[in-house]
Protein backbone atom coordinates (compact mmCIF):
# COMPACT_ATOMS: atom_id res chain seq x y z
CA UNK A 1 0.00 0.00 0.00
CA UNK A 2 2.83 2.40 0.83
CA UNK A 3 4.53 1.67 -2.49
CA UNK A 4 1.41 2.72 -4.45
CA UNK A 5 1.01 6.02 -2.60
CA UNK A 6 4.70 6.87 -3.15
CA UNK A 7 4.22 6.22 -6.86
CA UNK A 8 1.27 8.64 -6.99
CA UNK A 9 3.35 11.33 -5.30
CA UNK A 10 6.08 10.85 -7.92
CA UNK A 11 3.56 11.17 -10.75
CA UNK A 12 2.13 14.32 -9.19
CA UNK A 13 5.60 15.86 -8.86
CA UNK A 14 6.45 14.93 -12.46
CA UNK A 15 3.18 16.49 -13.71
CA UNK A 16 3.91 19.68 -11.74
CA UNK A 17 7.40 19.90 -13.25
CA UNK A 18 6.00 19.40 -16.76
CA UNK A 19 3.43 22.14 -16.13
CA UNK A 20 6.13 24.51 -14.85
CA UNK A 21 8.31 23.75 -17.88
CA UNK A 22 5.44 24.37 -20.30
CA UNK A 23 4.54 27.61 -18.52
CA UNK A 24 8.21 28.63 -18.60
CA UNK A 25 8.43 27.93 -22.32
CA UNK A 26 5.24 29.92 -22.95
CA UNK A 27 6.59 32.87 -20.93
CA UNK A 28 9.91 32.83 -22.83
CA UNK A 29 8.12 32.88 -26.20
CA UNK A 30 5.58 35.51 -25.10
CA UNK A 31 8.32 37.67 -23.57
CA UNK A 32 10.39 37.55 -26.76
CA UNK A 33 7.35 38.51 -28.84
CA UNK A 34 6.46 41.32 -26.41
CA UNK A 35 10.00 42.71 -26.65
CA UNK A 36 9.99 42.49 -30.44
CA UNK A 37 6.59 44.12 -31.07
CA UNK A 38 6.23 46.31 -27.92
CA UNK A 39 2.47 46.52 -28.28
CA UNK A 40 -0.68 44.96 -29.62
CA UNK A 41 -2.11 46.61 -32.73
CA UNK A 42 -5.62 45.99 -33.96
CA UNK A 43 -7.96 47.50 -36.55
CA UNK A 44 -11.55 48.62 -36.10
CA UNK A 45 -14.05 49.58 -38.77
CA UNK A 46 -16.43 52.35 -37.80
CA UNK A 47 -19.53 53.29 -39.76
CA UNK A 48 -19.44 57.04 -40.41
CA UNK A 49 -22.37 57.48 -42.80
CA UNK A 50 -25.33 55.26 -43.60
CA UNK A 51 -27.91 56.91 -45.84
CA UNK A 52 -29.98 54.44 -47.84
CA UNK A 53 -27.72 52.55 -50.25
CA UNK A 54 -24.77 54.86 -49.48
CA UNK A 55 -22.49 53.73 -46.71
CA UNK A 56 -19.14 55.12 -45.57
CA UNK A 57 -16.81 53.48 -43.11
CA UNK A 58 -13.66 54.60 -41.41
CA UNK A 59 -10.79 52.26 -40.59
CA UNK A 60 -8.99 53.01 -37.34
CA UNK A 61 -5.73 51.41 -36.24
CA UNK A 62 -5.37 51.24 -32.47
CA UNK A 63 -2.38 50.16 -30.42
CA UNK A 64 -2.23 48.95 -26.84
CA UNK A 65 1.32 49.81 -25.74
CA UNK A 66 3.29 47.10 -23.95
CA UNK A 67 6.26 48.44 -21.98
CA UNK A 68 9.54 46.61 -22.59
CA UNK A 69 9.80 45.86 -18.86
CA UNK A 70 6.77 43.56 -19.15
CA UNK A 71 8.40 41.56 -21.95
CA UNK A 72 11.66 41.44 -20.01
CA UNK A 73 9.96 40.20 -16.84
CA UNK A 74 8.10 37.51 -18.80
CA UNK A 75 11.35 36.40 -20.41
CA UNK A 76 13.27 36.26 -17.13
CA UNK A 77 10.38 34.50 -15.34
CA UNK A 78 10.15 31.91 -18.11
CA UNK A 79 13.88 31.23 -18.01
CA UNK A 80 13.71 30.87 -14.23
CA UNK A 81 10.84 28.37 -14.49
CA UNK A 82 12.69 26.35 -17.13
CA UNK A 83 15.87 26.31 -15.03
CA UNK A 84 13.98 25.29 -11.89
CA UNK A 85 12.18 22.50 -13.75
CA UNK A 86 15.43 21.07 -15.11
CA UNK A 87 17.23 21.38 -11.79
CA UNK A 88 14.55 19.31 -10.02
CA UNK A 89 14.40 16.68 -12.80
C-alpha atoms as a PDB file:
ATOM      1  CA  UNK A   1       0.000   0.000   0.000  1.00  0.00           C
ATOM      2  CA  UNK A   2       2.829   2.399   0.825  1.00  0.00           C
ATOM      3  CA  UNK A   3       4.527   1.674  -2.494  1.00  0.00           C
ATOM      4  CA  UNK A   4       1.412   2.722  -4.453  1.00  0.00           C
ATOM      5  CA  UNK A   5       1.011   6.023  -2.603  1.00  0.00           C
ATOM      6  CA  UNK A   6       4.698   6.869  -3.153  1.00  0.00           C
ATOM      7  CA  UNK A   7       4.218   6.222  -6.856  1.00  0.00           C
ATOM      8  CA  UNK A   8       1.267   8.641  -6.994  1.00  0.00           C
ATOM      9  CA  UNK A   9       3.354  11.330  -5.303  1.00  0.00           C
ATOM     10  CA  UNK A  10       6.083  10.851  -7.918  1.00  0.00           C
ATOM     11  CA  UNK A  11       3.564  11.174 -10.750  1.00  0.00           C
ATOM     12  CA  UNK A  12       2.130  14.319  -9.194  1.00  0.00           C
ATOM     13  CA  UNK A  13       5.605  15.862  -8.858  1.00  0.00           C
ATOM     14  CA  UNK A  14       6.450  14.928 -12.457  1.00  0.00           C
ATOM     15  CA  UNK A  15       3.183  16.490 -13.710  1.00  0.00           C
ATOM     16  CA  UNK A  16       3.906  19.675 -11.738  1.00  0.00           C
ATOM     17  CA  UNK A  17       7.401  19.898 -13.247  1.00  0.00           C
ATOM     18  CA  UNK A  18       6.000  19.404 -16.763  1.00  0.00           C
ATOM     19  CA  UNK A  19       3.426  22.136 -16.135  1.00  0.00           C
ATOM     20  CA  UNK A  20       6.127  24.506 -14.850  1.00  0.00           C
ATOM     21  CA  UNK A  21       8.312  23.749 -17.876  1.00  0.00           C
ATOM     22  CA  UNK A  22       5.441  24.374 -20.300  1.00  0.00           C
ATOM     23  CA  UNK A  23       4.537  27.605 -18.520  1.00  0.00           C
ATOM     24  CA  UNK A  24       8.207  28.628 -18.602  1.00  0.00           C
ATOM     25  CA  UNK A  25       8.432  27.930 -22.323  1.00  0.00           C
ATOM     26  CA  UNK A  26       5.242  29.918 -22.952  1.00  0.00           C
ATOM     27  CA  UNK A  27       6.594  32.872 -20.930  1.00  0.00           C
ATOM     28  CA  UNK A  28       9.906  32.831 -22.834  1.00  0.00           C
ATOM     29  CA  UNK A  29       8.121  32.882 -26.202  1.00  0.00           C
ATOM     30  CA  UNK A  30       5.576  35.514 -25.104  1.00  0.00           C
ATOM     31  CA  UNK A  31       8.323  37.668 -23.573  1.00  0.00           C
ATOM     32  CA  UNK A  32      10.388  37.552 -26.762  1.00  0.00           C
ATOM     33  CA  UNK A  33       7.347  38.508 -28.844  1.00  0.00           C
ATOM     34  CA  UNK A  34       6.462  41.325 -26.414  1.00  0.00           C
ATOM     35  CA  UNK A  35      10.003  42.706 -26.646  1.00  0.00           C
ATOM     36  CA  UNK A  36       9.987  42.486 -30.441  1.00  0.00           C
ATOM     37  CA  UNK A  37       6.593  44.124 -31.074  1.00  0.00           C
ATOM     38  CA  UNK A  38       6.234  46.308 -27.918  1.00  0.00           C
ATOM     39  CA  UNK A  39       2.474  46.517 -28.280  1.00  0.00           C
ATOM     40  CA  UNK A  40      -0.679  44.959 -29.618  1.00  0.00           C
ATOM     41  CA  UNK A  41      -2.109  46.613 -32.731  1.00  0.00           C
ATOM     42  CA  UNK A  42      -5.624  45.995 -33.962  1.00  0.00           C
ATOM     43  CA  UNK A  43      -7.963  47.504 -36.549  1.00  0.00           C
ATOM     44  CA  UNK A  44     -11.553  48.620 -36.104  1.00  0.00           C
ATOM     45  CA  UNK A  45     -14.053  49.577 -38.772  1.00  0.00           C
ATOM     46  CA  UNK A  46     -16.430  52.348 -37.799  1.00  0.00           C
ATOM     47  CA  UNK A  47     -19.529  53.288 -39.760  1.00  0.00           C
ATOM     48  CA  UNK A  48     -19.444  57.036 -40.408  1.00  0.00           C
ATOM     49  CA  UNK A  49     -22.373  57.484 -42.799  1.00  0.00           C
ATOM     50  CA  UNK A  50     -25.326  55.260 -43.604  1.00  0.00           C
ATOM     51  CA  UNK A  51     -27.908  56.909 -45.844  1.00  0.00           C
ATOM     52  CA  UNK A  52     -29.979  54.443 -47.842  1.00  0.00           C
ATOM     53  CA  UNK A  53     -27.721  52.552 -50.253  1.00  0.00           C
ATOM     54  CA  UNK A  54     -24.769  54.860 -49.483  1.00  0.00           C
ATOM     55  CA  UNK A  55     -22.488  53.726 -46.713  1.00  0.00           C
ATOM     56  CA  UNK A  56     -19.142  55.125 -45.572  1.00  0.00           C
ATOM     57  CA  UNK A  57     -16.809  53.477 -43.107  1.00  0.00           C
ATOM     58  CA  UNK A  58     -13.662  54.598 -41.412  1.00  0.00           C
ATOM     59  CA  UNK A  59     -10.788  52.257 -40.588  1.00  0.00           C
ATOM     60  CA  UNK A  60      -8.986  53.014 -37.342  1.00  0.00           C
ATOM     61  CA  UNK A  61      -5.727  51.412 -36.240  1.00  0.00           C
ATOM     62  CA  UNK A  62      -5.368  51.244 -32.471  1.00  0.00           C
ATOM     63  CA  UNK A  63      -2.376  50.155 -30.415  1.00  0.00           C
ATOM     64  CA  UNK A  64      -2.227  48.953 -26.839  1.00  0.00           C
ATOM     65  CA  UNK A  65       1.319  49.806 -25.742  1.00  0.00           C
ATOM     66  CA  UNK A  66       3.288  47.103 -23.949  1.00  0.00           C
ATOM     67  CA  UNK A  67       6.262  48.439 -21.978  1.00  0.00           C
ATOM     68  CA  UNK A  68       9.545  46.605 -22.590  1.00  0.00           C
ATOM     69  CA  UNK A  69       9.800  45.864 -18.861  1.00  0.00           C
ATOM     70  CA  UNK A  70       6.768  43.562 -19.151  1.00  0.00           C
ATOM     71  CA  UNK A  71       8.405  41.563 -21.945  1.00  0.00           C
ATOM     72  CA  UNK A  72      11.663  41.435 -20.011  1.00  0.00           C
ATOM     73  CA  UNK A  73       9.961  40.195 -16.844  1.00  0.00           C
ATOM     74  CA  UNK A  74       8.096  37.514 -18.799  1.00  0.00           C
ATOM     75  CA  UNK A  75      11.349  36.398 -20.415  1.00  0.00           C
ATOM     76  CA  UNK A  76      13.272  36.264 -17.126  1.00  0.00           C
ATOM     77  CA  UNK A  77      10.384  34.503 -15.344  1.00  0.00           C
ATOM     78  CA  UNK A  78      10.154  31.914 -18.113  1.00  0.00           C
ATOM     79  CA  UNK A  79      13.883  31.231 -18.009  1.00  0.00           C
ATOM     80  CA  UNK A  80      13.709  30.868 -14.228  1.00  0.00           C
ATOM     81  CA  UNK A  81      10.842  28.368 -14.489  1.00  0.00           C
ATOM     82  CA  UNK A  82      12.692  26.352 -17.128  1.00  0.00           C
ATOM     83  CA  UNK A  83      15.868  26.308 -15.026  1.00  0.00           C
ATOM     84  CA  UNK A  84      13.981  25.293 -11.893  1.00  0.00           C
ATOM     85  CA  UNK A  85      12.178  22.495 -13.752  1.00  0.00           C
ATOM     86  CA  UNK A  86      15.427  21.068 -15.109  1.00  0.00           C
ATOM     87  CA  UNK A  87      17.232  21.381 -11.791  1.00  0.00           C
ATOM     88  CA  UNK A  88      14.552  19.313 -10.017  1.00  0.00           C
ATOM     89  CA  UNK A  89      14.395  16.678 -12.796  1.00  0.00           C
END
